[in-house]
Amino acid sequence: MYEPGDIILASIQFTDTYEIKKRPAVILFKEYNNIVIAGITSNTEMEGIPITKKEGAIKESVIKLNYIFTISSIMISKKLFSLNTNKKKILHDKLTKKINPLIS
């Protein structure tokens, strides 16, 4: 089914409205029917981890580590592609660095 590092298309609620749209996201981890994801934007000016067309993105995009939330698996429409091992490591390292102040 879906695994960490998969880029998916999912129904996601925007943080500033109640509007829900189908948007790309990356799966960070899953447990039971809950899937924790990070949103993806095509606004390459935003801070985050870049993903390229060469890697499988439809457009040059950015994984936004400040946009993390939990969804149900039924909110996923489809898998688009998977991050390569190197990009998964970058994602892990940057996410760990953001969370690290919690354990200091």
PDB file of N, CA and C in Angstrom:
ATOM      1  N   MET A   1       0.837  -1.187   0.000  1.00  0.00           N
ATOM      2  CA  MET A   1       0.000   0.000   0.000  1.00  0.00           C
ATOM      3  C   MET A   1       0.883   1.253   0.000  1.00  0.00           C
ATOM      4  N   TYR A   2       0.724   2.127   0.964  1.00  0.00           N
ATOM      5  CA  TYR A   2       1.501   3.364   1.021  1.00  0.00           C
ATOM      6  C   TYR A   2       2.596   3.236   2.072  1.00  0.00           C
ATOM      7  N   GLU A   3       3.775   3.803   1.752  1.00  0.00           N
ATOM      8  CA  GLU A   3       4.935   3.701   2.630  1.00  0.00           C
ATOM      9  C   GLU A   3       5.552   5.077   2.871  1.00  0.00           C
ATOM     10  N   PRO A   4       6.304   5.230   3.967  1.00  0.00           N
ATOM     11  CA  PRO A   4       7.032   6.483   4.178  1.00  0.00           C
ATOM     12  C   PRO A   4       7.903   6.816   2.965  1.00  0.00           C
ATOM     13  N   GLY A   5       7.880   8.081   2.578  1.00  0.00           N
ATOM     14  CA  GLY A   5       8.631   8.520   1.400  1.00  0.00           C
ATOM     15  C   GLY A   5       7.808   8.539   0.133  1.00  0.00           C
ATOM     16  N   ASP A   6       6.594   7.981   0.178  1.00  0.00           N
ATOM     17  CA  ASP A   6       5.709   8.037  -0.986  1.00  0.00           C
ATOM     18  C   ASP A   6       5.124   9.436  -1.113  1.00  0.00           C
ATOM     19  N   ILE A   7       5.099   9.934  -2.333  1.00  0.00           N
ATOM     20  CA  ILE A   7       4.413  11.190  -2.636  1.00  0.00           C
ATOM     21  C   ILE A   7       3.019  10.797  -3.091  1.00  0.00           C
ATOM     22  N   ILE A   8       2.035  11.370  -2.429  1.00  0.00           N
ATOM     23  CA  ILE A   8       0.645  11.007  -2.686  1.00  0.00           C
ATOM     24  C   ILE A   8      -0.174  12.231  -3.070  1.00  0.00           C
ATOM     25  N   LEU A   9      -1.353  11.980  -3.590  1.00  0.00           N
ATOM     26  CA  LEU A   9      -2.345  13.021  -3.826  1.00  0.00           C
ATOM     27  C   LEU A   9      -3.443  12.763  -2.806  1.00  0.00           C
ATOM     28  N   ALA A  10      -3.741  13.764  -1.959  1.00  0.00           N
ATOM     29  CA  ALA A  10      -4.700  13.562  -0.881  1.00  0.00           C
ATOM     30  C   ALA A  10      -5.600  14.776  -0.709  1.00  0.00           C
ATOM     31  N   SER A  11      -6.743  14.545  -0.125  1.00  0.00           N
ATOM     32  CA  SER A  11      -7.657  15.636   0.237  1.00  0.00           C
ATOM     33  C   SER A  11      -7.117  16.268   1.508  1.00  0.00           C
ATOM     34  N   ILE A  12      -6.737  17.541   1.409  1.00  0.00           N
ATOM     35  CA  ILE A  12      -6.078  18.232   2.510  1.00  0.00           C
ATOM     36  C   ILE A  12      -6.806  19.544   2.778  1.00  0.00           C
ATOM     37  N   GLN A  13      -7.015  19.848   4.064  1.00  0.00           N
ATOM     38  CA  GLN A  13      -7.636  21.108   4.451  1.00  0.00           C
ATOM     39  C   GLN A  13      -6.575  22.187   4.566  1.00  0.00           C
ATOM     40  N   PHE A  14      -6.849  23.338   4.016  1.00  0.00           N
ATOM     41  CA  PHE A  14      -5.936  24.459   4.124  1.00  0.00           C
ATOM     42  C   PHE A  14      -5.957  24.988   5.552  1.00  0.00           C
ATOM     43  N   THR A  15      -4.820  25.495   6.026  1.00  0.00           N
ATOM     44  CA  THR A  15      -4.725  25.970   7.407  1.00  0.00           C
ATOM     45  C   THR A  15      -5.487  27.274   7.642  1.00  0.00           C
ATOM     46  N   ASP A  16      -5.665  28.073   6.615  1.00  0.00           N
ATOM     47  CA  ASP A  16      -6.305  29.375   6.809  1.00  0.00           C
ATOM     48  C   ASP A  16      -7.793  29.403   6.435  1.00  0.00           C
ATOM     49  N   THR A  17      -8.333  28.285   5.958  1.00  0.00           N
ATOM     50  CA  THR A  17      -9.757  28.203   5.617  1.00  0.00           C
ATOM     51  C   THR A  17     -10.239  26.782   5.922  1.00  0.00           C
ATOM     52  N   TYR A  18     -11.510  26.561   5.715  1.00  0.00           N
ATOM     53  CA  TYR A  18     -12.061  25.215   5.865  1.00  0.00           C
ATOM     54  C   TYR A  18     -12.105  24.478   4.535  1.00  0.00           C
ATOM     55  N   GLU A  19     -11.555  25.102   3.508  1.00  0.00           N
ATOM     56  CA  GLU A  19     -11.568  24.527   2.171  1.00  0.00           C
ATOM     57  C   GLU A  19     -10.675  23.292   2.097  1.00  0.00           C
ATOM     58  N   ILE A  20     -11.154  22.266   1.418  1.00  0.00           N
ATOM     59  CA  ILE A  20     -10.388  21.035   1.231  1.00  0.00           C
ATOM     60  C   ILE A  20     -10.143  20.858  -0.266  1.00  0.00           C
ATOM     61  N   LYS A  21      -8.886  20.591  -0.613  1.00  0.00           N
ATOM     62  CA  LYS A  21      -8.515  20.359  -2.012  1.00  0.00           C
ATOM     63  C   LYS A  21      -7.598  19.162  -2.095  1.00  0.00           C
ATOM     64  N   LYS A  22      -7.521  18.599  -3.282  1.00  0.00           N
ATOM     65  CA  LYS A  22      -6.550  17.523  -3.520  1.00  0.00           C
ATOM     66  C   LYS A  22      -5.193  18.166  -3.729  1.00  0.00           C
ATOM     67  N   ARG A  23      -4.225  17.773  -2.899  1.00  0.00           N
ATOM     68  CA  ARG A  23      -2.886  18.357  -2.925  1.00  0.00           C
ATOM     69  C   ARG A  23      -1.859  17.244  -2.775  1.00  0.00           C
ATOM     70  N   PRO A  24      -0.649  17.460  -3.278  1.00  0.00           N
ATOM     71  CA  PRO A  24       0.412  16.473  -3.066  1.00  0.00           C
ATOM     72  C   PRO A  24       0.975  16.592  -1.652  1.00  0.00           C
ATOM     73  N   ALA A  25       1.456  15.474  -1.141  1.00  0.00           N
ATOM     74  CA  ALA A  25       2.073  15.421   0.178  1.00  0.00           C
ATOM     75  C   ALA A  25       3.015  14.220   0.209  1.00  0.00           C
ATOM     76  N   VAL A  26       3.916  14.213   1.193  1.00  0.00           N
ATOM     77  CA  VAL A  26       4.811  13.074   1.373  1.00  0.00           C
ATOM     78  C   VAL A  26       4.438  12.377   2.677  1.00  0.00           C
ATOM     79  N   ILE A  27       4.413  11.069   2.653  1.00  0.00           N
ATOM     80  CA  ILE A  27       4.115  10.293   3.858  1.00  0.00           C
ATOM     81  C   ILE A  27       5.364  10.249   4.727  1.00  0.00           C
ATOM     82  N   LEU A  28       5.232  10.686   5.984  1.00  0.00           N
ATOM     83  CA  LEU A  28       6.328  10.635   6.944  1.00  0.00           C
ATOM     84  C   LEU A  28       6.301   9.321   7.710  1.00  0.00           C
ATOM     85  N   PHE A  29       5.124   8.944   8.224  1.00  0.00           N
ATOM     86  CA  PHE A  29       4.949   7.625   8.814  1.00  0.00           C
ATOM     87  C   PHE A  29       3.473   7.316   8.912  1.00  0.00           C
ATOM     88  N   LYS A  30       3.178   6.050   9.168  1.00  0.00           N
ATOM     89  CA  LYS A  30       1.783   5.638   9.300  1.00  0.00           C
ATOM     90  C   LYS A  30       1.665   4.687  10.477  1.00  0.00           C
ATOM     91  N   GLU A  31       0.487   4.739  11.086  1.00  0.00           N
ATOM     92  CA  GLU A  31       0.194   3.833  12.182  1.00  0.00           C
ATOM     93  C   GLU A  31      -1.300   3.574  12.148  1.00  0.00           C
ATOM     94  N   TYR A  32      -1.657   2.315  12.001  1.00  0.00           N
ATOM     95  CA  TYR A  32      -3.051   1.918  11.840  1.00  0.00           C
ATOM     96  C   TYR A  32      -3.619   2.640  10.629  1.00  0.00           C
ATOM     97  N   ASN A  33      -4.709   3.342  10.779  1.00  0.00           N
ATOM     98  CA  ASN A  33      -5.318   4.029   9.643  1.00  0.00           C
ATOM     99  C   ASN A  33      -4.918   5.502   9.589  1.00  0.00           C
ATOM    100  N   ASN A  34      -4.009   5.913  10.477  1.00  0.00           N
ATOM    101  CA  ASN A  34      -3.546   7.299  10.524  1.00  0.00           C
ATOM    102  C   ASN A  34      -2.239   7.444   9.759  1.00  0.00           C
ATOM    103  N   ILE A  35      -2.177   8.463   8.927  1.00  0.00           N
ATOM    104  CA  ILE A  35      -0.979   8.698   8.124  1.00  0.00           C
ATOM    105  C   ILE A  35      -0.526  10.135   8.366  1.00  0.00           C
ATOM    106  N   VAL A  36       0.721  10.286   8.807  1.00  0.00           N
ATOM    107  CA  VAL A  36       1.289  11.606   9.065  1.00  0.00           C
ATOM    108  C   VAL A  36       2.025  12.044   7.801  1.00  0.00           C
ATOM    109  N   ILE A  37       1.671  13.229   7.328  1.00  0.00           N
ATOM    110  CA  ILE A  37       2.206  13.720   6.059  1.00  0.00           C
ATOM    111  C   ILE A  37       2.767  15.130   6.210  1.00  0.00           C
ATOM    112  N   ALA A  38       3.591  15.497   5.241  1.00  0.00           N
ATOM    113  CA  ALA A  38       4.056  16.875   5.096  1.00  0.00           C
ATOM    114  C   ALA A  38       3.554  17.361   3.735  1.00  0.00           C
ATOM    115  N   GLY A  39       2.990  18.551   3.727  1.00  0.00           N
ATOM    116  CA  GLY A  39       2.467  19.116   2.487  1.00  0.00           C
ATOM    117  C   GLY A  39       3.565  19.490   1.508  1.00  0.00           C
ATOM    118  N   ILE A  40       3.186  19.562   0.259  1.00  0.00           N
ATOM    119  CA  ILE A  40       4.104  19.926  -0.826  1.00  0.00           C
ATOM    120  C   ILE A  40       3.500  21.105  -1.579  1.00  0.00           C
ATOM    121  N   THR A  41       4.350  22.057  -1.937  1.00  0.00           N
ATOM    122  CA  THR A  41       3.909  23.220  -2.711  1.00  0.00           C
ATOM    123  C   THR A  41       4.763  23.368  -3.967  1.00  0.00           C
ATOM    124  N   SER A  42       4.165  23.959  -4.992  1.00  0.00           N
ATOM    125  CA  SER A  42       4.937  24.264  -6.200  1.00  0.00           C
ATOM    126  C   SER A  42       5.557  25.655  -6.100  1.00  0.00           C
ATOM    127  N   ASN A  43       5.333  26.348  -4.994  1.00  0.00           N
ATOM    128  CA  ASN A  43       5.953  27.651  -4.757  1.00  0.00           C
ATOM    129  C   ASN A  43       7.391  27.408  -4.295  1.00  0.00           C
ATOM    130  N   THR A  44       8.314  27.439  -5.220  1.00  0.00           N
ATOM    131  CA  THR A  44       9.715  27.111  -4.922  1.00  0.00           C
ATOM    132  C   THR A  44      10.430  28.192  -4.115  1.00  0.00           C
ATOM    133  N   GLU A  45       9.735  29.296  -3.835  1.00  0.00           N
ATOM    134  CA  GLU A  45      10.313  30.341  -2.990  1.00  0.00           C
ATOM    135  C   GLU A  45      10.151  29.989  -1.506  1.00  0.00           C
ATOM    136  N   MET A  46       9.301  29.012  -1.209  1.00  0.00           N
ATOM    137  CA  MET A  46       9.061  28.642   0.181  1.00  0.00           C
ATOM    138  C   MET A  46      10.215  27.792   0.715  1.00  0.00           C
ATOM    139  N   GLU A  47      10.382  27.844   2.033  1.00  0.00           N
ATOM    140  CA  GLU A  47      11.426  27.058   2.683  1.00  0.00           C
ATOM    141  C   GLU A  47      10.999  25.597   2.750  1.00  0.00           C
ATOM    142  N   GLY A  48      11.953  24.719   2.527  1.00  0.00           N
ATOM    143  CA  GLY A  48      11.670  23.292   2.601  1.00  0.00           C
ATOM    144  C   GLY A  48      12.667  22.492   1.795  1.00  0.00           C
ATOM    145  N   ILE A  49      12.284  21.287   1.467  1.00  0.00           N
ATOM    146  CA  ILE A  49      13.155  20.373   0.727  1.00  0.00           C
ATOM    147  C   ILE A  49      12.699  20.334  -0.726  1.00  0.00           C
ATOM    148  N   PRO A  50      13.548  20.751  -1.650  1.00  0.00           N
ATOM    149  CA  PRO A  50      13.138  20.753  -3.059  1.00  0.00           C
ATOM    150  C   PRO A  50      13.007  19.341  -3.628  1.00  0.00           C
ATOM    151  N   ILE A  51      11.997  19.169  -4.467  1.00  0.00           N
ATOM    152  CA  ILE A  51      11.881  17.954  -5.271  1.00  0.00           C
ATOM    153  C   ILE A  51      11.689  18.394  -6.722  1.00  0.00           C
ATOM    154  N   THR A  52      12.305  17.667  -7.613  1.00  0.00           N
ATOM    155  CA  THR A  52      12.376  18.083  -9.011  1.00  0.00           C
ATOM    156  C   THR A  52      11.535  17.199  -9.932  1.00  0.00           C
ATOM    157  N   LYS A  53      11.338  17.688 -11.136  1.00  0.00           N
ATOM    158  CA  LYS A  53      10.670  16.894 -12.165  1.00  0.00           C
ATOM    159  C   LYS A  53      11.446  15.606 -12.420  1.00  0.00           C
ATOM    160  N   LYS A  54      12.761  15.717 -12.406  1.00  0.00           N
ATOM    161  CA  LYS A  54      13.624  14.554 -12.645  1.00  0.00           C
ATOM    162  C   LYS A  54      13.371  13.459 -11.597  1.00  0.00           C
ATOM    163  N   GLU A  55      13.014  13.878 -10.381  1.00  0.00           N
ATOM    164  CA  GLU A  55      12.729  12.926  -9.311  1.00  0.00           C
ATOM    165  C   GLU A  55      11.314  12.348  -9.406  1.00  0.00           C
ATOM    166  N   GLY A  56      10.462  12.957 -10.239  1.00  0.00           N
ATOM    167  CA  GLY A  56       9.104  12.457 -10.429  1.00  0.00           C
ATOM    168  C   GLY A  56       8.009  13.473 -10.206  1.00  0.00           C
ATOM    169  N   ALA A  57       8.353  14.662  -9.712  1.00  0.00           N
ATOM    170  CA  ALA A  57       7.347  15.695  -9.464  1.00  0.00           C
ATOM    171  C   ALA A  57       6.783  16.212 -10.791  1.00  0.00           C
ATOM    172  N   ILE A  58       5.519  16.583 -10.778  1.00  0.00           N
ATOM    173  CA  ILE A  58       4.899  17.160 -11.975  1.00  0.00           C
ATOM    174  C   ILE A  58       5.494  18.524 -12.261  1.00  0.00           C
ATOM    175  N   LYS A  59       5.753  19.291 -11.184  1.00  0.00           N
ATOM    176  CA  LYS A  59       6.391  20.609 -11.252  1.00  0.00           C
ATOM    177  C   LYS A  59       7.509  20.629 -10.223  1.00  0.00           C
ATOM    178  N   GLU A  60       8.471  21.519 -10.408  1.00  0.00           N
ATOM    179  CA  GLU A  60       9.471  21.738  -9.373  1.00  0.00           C
ATOM    180  C   GLU A  60       8.697  22.136  -8.113  1.00  0.00           C
ATOM    181  N   SER A  61       8.998  21.500  -6.989  1.00  0.00           N
ATOM    182  CA  SER A  61       8.197  21.682  -5.789  1.00  0.00           C
ATOM    183  C   SER A  61       9.055  21.687  -4.536  1.00  0.00           C
ATOM    184  N   VAL A  62       8.403  21.901  -3.398  1.00  0.00           N
ATOM    185  CA  VAL A  62       9.084  21.950  -2.105  1.00  0.00           C
ATOM    186  C   VAL A  62       8.251  21.196  -1.080  1.00  0.00           C
ATOM    187  N   ILE A  63       8.907  20.309  -0.323  1.00  0.00           N
ATOM    188  CA  ILE A  63       8.262  19.655   0.818  1.00  0.00           C
ATOM    189  C   ILE A  63       8.322  20.650   1.969  1.00  0.00           C
ATOM    190  N   LYS A  64       7.169  20.988   2.524  1.00  0.00           N
ATOM    191  CA  LYS A  64       7.085  21.994   3.586  1.00  0.00           C
ATOM    192  C   LYS A  64       7.076  21.308   4.955  1.00  0.00           C
ATOM    193  N   LEU A  65       8.177  21.423   5.677  1.00  0.00           N
ATOM    194  CA  LEU A  65       8.271  20.787   6.983  1.00  0.00           C
ATOM    195  C   LEU A  65       7.531  21.552   8.070  1.00  0.00           C
ATOM    196  N   ASN A  66       6.979  22.703   7.730  1.00  0.00           N
ATOM    197  CA  ASN A  66       6.155  23.444   8.683  1.00  0.00           C
ATOM    198  C   ASN A  66       4.667  23.192   8.444  1.00  0.00           C
ATOM    199  N   TYR A  67       4.341  22.216   7.630  1.00  0.00           N
ATOM    200  CA  TYR A  67       2.962  21.896   7.273  1.00  0.00           C
ATOM    201  C   TYR A  67       2.762  20.390   7.410  1.00  0.00           C
ATOM    202  N   ILE A  68       2.744  19.919   8.661  1.00  0.00           N
ATOM    203  CA  ILE A  68       2.666  18.495   8.965  1.00  0.00           C
ATOM    204  C   ILE A  68       1.364  18.219   9.698  1.00  0.00           C
ATOM    205  N   PHE A  69       0.668  17.171   9.281  1.00  0.00           N
ATOM    206  CA  PHE A  69      -0.583  16.823   9.930  1.00  0.00           C
ATOM    207  C   PHE A  69      -0.935  15.372   9.664  1.00  0.00           C
ATOM    208  N   THR A  70      -1.991  14.901  10.329  1.00  0.00           N
ATOM    209  CA  THR A  70      -2.433  13.515  10.212  1.00  0.00           C
ATOM    210  C   THR A  70      -3.709  13.450   9.384  1.00  0.00           C
ATOM    211  N   ILE A  71      -3.747  12.474   8.491  1.00  0.00           N
ATOM    212  CA  ILE A  71      -4.945  12.227   7.697  1.00  0.00           C
ATOM    213  C   ILE A  71      -5.298  10.747   7.814  1.00  0.00           C
ATOM    214  N   SER A  72      -6.476  10.415   7.386  1.00  0.00           N
ATOM    215  CA  SER A  72      -6.914   9.027   7.290  1.00  0.00           C
ATOM    216  C   SER A  72      -6.515   8.493   5.918  1.00  0.00           C
ATOM    217  N   SER A  73      -6.273   7.206   5.834  1.00  0.00           N
ATOM    218  CA  SER A  73      -5.885   6.620   4.544  1.00  0.00           C
ATOM    219  C   SER A  73      -6.974   6.798   3.482  1.00  0.00           C
ATOM    220  N   ILE A  74      -8.232   6.953   3.905  1.00  0.00           N
ATOM    221  CA  ILE A  74      -9.298   7.126   2.905  1.00  0.00           C
ATOM    222  C   ILE A  74      -9.225   8.488   2.208  1.00  0.00           C
ATOM    223  N   MET A  75      -8.405   9.396   2.741  1.00  0.00           N
ATOM    224  CA  MET A  75      -8.251  10.718   2.131  1.00  0.00           C
ATOM    225  C   MET A  75      -7.232  10.705   0.988  1.00  0.00           C
ATOM    226  N   ILE A  76      -6.549   9.589   0.797  1.00  0.00           N
ATOM    227  CA  ILE A  76      -5.539   9.478  -0.259  1.00  0.00           C
ATOM    228  C   ILE A  76      -6.197   9.028  -1.551  1.00  0.00           C
ATOM    229  N   SER A  77      -5.958   9.779  -2.613  1.00  0.00           N
ATOM    230  CA  SER A  77      -6.497   9.433  -3.934  1.00  0.00           C
ATOM    231  C   SER A  77      -5.600   8.442  -4.655  1.00  0.00           C
ATOM    232  N   LYS A  78      -4.270   8.731  -4.613  1.00  0.00           N
ATOM    233  CA  LYS A  78      -3.339   7.837  -5.303  1.00  0.00           C
ATOM    234  C   LYS A  78      -1.903   8.168  -4.939  1.00  0.00           C
ATOM    235  N   LYS A  79      -1.027   7.232  -5.223  1.00  0.00           N
ATOM    236  CA  LYS A  79       0.413   7.431  -5.078  1.00  0.00           C
ATOM    237  C   LYS A  79       0.921   8.005  -6.391  1.00  0.00           C
ATOM    238  N   LEU A  80       1.762   9.045  -6.293  1.00  0.00           N
ATOM    239  CA  LEU A  80       2.331   9.667  -7.486  1.00  0.00           C
ATOM    240  C   LEU A  80       3.711   9.102  -7.806  1.00  0.00           C
ATOM    241  N   PHE A  81       4.589   9.038  -6.801  1.00  0.00           N
ATOM    242  CA  PHE A  81       5.919   8.455  -6.946  1.00  0.00           C
ATOM    243  C   PHE A  81       6.529   8.337  -5.559  1.00  0.00           C
ATOM    244  N   SER A  82       7.730   7.801  -5.476  1.00  0.00           N
ATOM    245  CA  SER A  82       8.419   7.671  -4.189  1.00  0.00           C
ATOM    246  C   SER A  82       9.722   8.452  -4.221  1.00  0.00           C
ATOM    247  N   LEU A  83      10.086   9.006  -3.079  1.00  0.00           N
ATOM    248  CA  LEU A  83      11.386   9.677  -2.969  1.00  0.00           C
ATOM    249  C   LEU A  83      12.500   8.634  -3.040  1.00  0.00           C
ATOM    250  N   ASN A  84      13.637   9.043  -3.598  1.00  0.00           N
ATOM    251  CA  ASN A  84      14.772   8.133  -3.623  1.00  0.00           C
ATOM    252  C   ASN A  84      15.414   8.083  -2.230  1.00  0.00           C
ATOM    253  N   THR A  85      16.309   7.146  -2.023  1.00  0.00           N
ATOM    254  CA  THR A  85      16.934   6.938  -0.715  1.00  0.00           C
ATOM    255  C   THR A  85      17.646   8.185  -0.218  1.00  0.00           C
ATOM    256  N   ASN A  86      18.364   8.875  -1.092  1.00  0.00           N
ATOM    257  CA  ASN A  86      19.082  10.080  -0.696  1.00  0.00           C
ATOM    258  C   ASN A  86      18.119  11.175  -0.220  1.00  0.00           C
ATOM    259  N   LYS A  87      17.016  11.370  -0.944  1.00  0.00           N
ATOM    260  CA  LYS A  87      16.043  12.405  -0.566  1.00  0.00           C
ATOM    261  C   LYS A  87      15.335  12.031   0.736  1.00  0.00           C
ATOM    262  N   LYS A  88      15.083  10.729   0.953  1.00  0.00           N
ATOM    263  CA  LYS A  88      14.496  10.288   2.219  1.00  0.00           C
ATOM    264  C   LYS A  88      15.426  10.617   3.379  1.00  0.00           C
ATOM    265  N   LYS A  89      16.728  10.449   3.173  1.00  0.00           N
ATOM    266  CA  LYS A  89      17.698  10.762   4.229  1.00  0.00           C
ATOM    267  C   LYS A  89      17.704  12.263   4.516  1.00  0.00           C
ATOM    268  N   ILE A  90      17.670  13.080   3.476  1.00  0.00           N
ATOM    269  CA  ILE A  90      17.620  14.531   3.653  1.00  0.00           C
ATOM    270  C   ILE A  90      16.357  14.906   4.444  1.00  0.00           C
ATOM    271  N   LEU A  91      15.229  14.315   4.078  1.00  0.00           N
ATOM    272  CA  LEU A  91      13.969  14.573   4.772  1.00  0.00           C
ATOM    273  C   LEU A  91      14.087  14.177   6.246  1.00  0.00           C
ATOM    274  N   HIS A  92      14.619  13.011   6.507  1.00  0.00           N
ATOM    275  CA  HIS A  92      14.804  12.537   7.885  1.00  0.00           C
ATOM    276  C   HIS A  92      15.693  13.487   8.681  1.00  0.00           C
ATOM    277  N   ASP A  93      16.825  13.857   8.103  1.00  0.00           N
ATOM    278  CA  ASP A  93      17.782  14.719   8.803  1.00  0.00           C
ATOM    279  C   ASP A  93      17.191  16.096   9.119  1.00  0.00           C
ATOM    280  N   LYS A  94      16.495  16.692   8.145  1.00  0.00           N
ATOM    281  CA  LYS A  94      15.920  18.028   8.368  1.00  0.00           C
ATOM    282  C   LYS A  94      14.766  17.974   9.362  1.00  0.00           C
ATOM    283  N   LEU A  95      13.981  16.922   9.294  1.00  0.00           N
ATOM    284  CA  LEU A  95      12.877  16.769  10.230  1.00  0.00           C
ATOM    285  C   LEU A  95      13.410  16.537  11.646  1.00  0.00           C
ATOM    286  N   THR A  96      14.435  15.726  11.781  1.00  0.00           N
ATOM    287  CA  THR A  96      15.057  15.471  13.082  1.00  0.00           C
ATOM    288  C   THR A  96      15.625  16.753  13.660  1.00  0.00           C
ATOM    289  N   LYS A  97      16.243  17.565  12.829  1.00  0.00           N
ATOM    290  CA  LYS A  97      16.816  18.834  13.284  1.00  0.00           C
ATOM    291  C   LYS A  97      15.712  19.768  13.797  1.00  0.00           C
ATOM    292  N   LYS A  98      14.553  19.777  13.123  1.00  0.00           N
ATOM    293  CA  LYS A  98      13.447  20.635  13.561  1.00  0.00           C
ATOM    294  C   LYS A  98      12.870  20.156  14.896  1.00  0.00           C
ATOM    295  N   ILE A  99      12.812  18.848  15.095  1.00  0.00           N
ATOM    296  CA  ILE A  99      12.219  18.272  16.296  1.00  0.00           C
ATOM    297  C   ILE A  99      13.209  18.259  17.455  1.00  0.00           C
ATOM    298  N   ASN A 100      14.486  18.256  17.173  1.00  0.00           N
ATOM    299  CA  ASN A 100      15.525  18.120  18.194  1.00  0.00           C
ATOM    300  C   ASN A 100      15.377  19.065  19.387  1.00  0.00           C
ATOM    301  N   PRO A 101      14.974  20.325  19.251  1.00  0.00           N
ATOM    302  CA  PRO A 101      14.822  21.189  20.417  1.00  0.00           C
ATOM    303  C   PRO A 101      13.859  20.638  21.480  1.00  0.00           C
ATOM    304  N   LEU A 102      12.960  19.774  21.065  1.00  0.00           N
ATOM    305  CA  LEU A 102      12.027  19.175  22.018  1.00  0.00           C
ATOM    306  C   LEU A 102      12.719  18.259  23.014  1.00  0.00           C
ATOM    307  N   ILE A 103      13.852  17.676  22.635  1.00  0.00           N
ATOM    308  CA  ILE A 103      14.534  16.719  23.510  1.00  0.00           C
ATOM    309  C   ILE A 103      15.816  17.277  24.110  1.00  0.00           C
ATOM    310  N   SER A 104      16.086  18.537  23.897  1.00  0.00           N
ATOM    311  CA  SER A 104      17.293  19.143  24.442  1.00  0.00           C
ATOM    312  C   SER A 104      17.123  19.529  25.885  1.00  0.00           C
TER     313      SER A 104
END
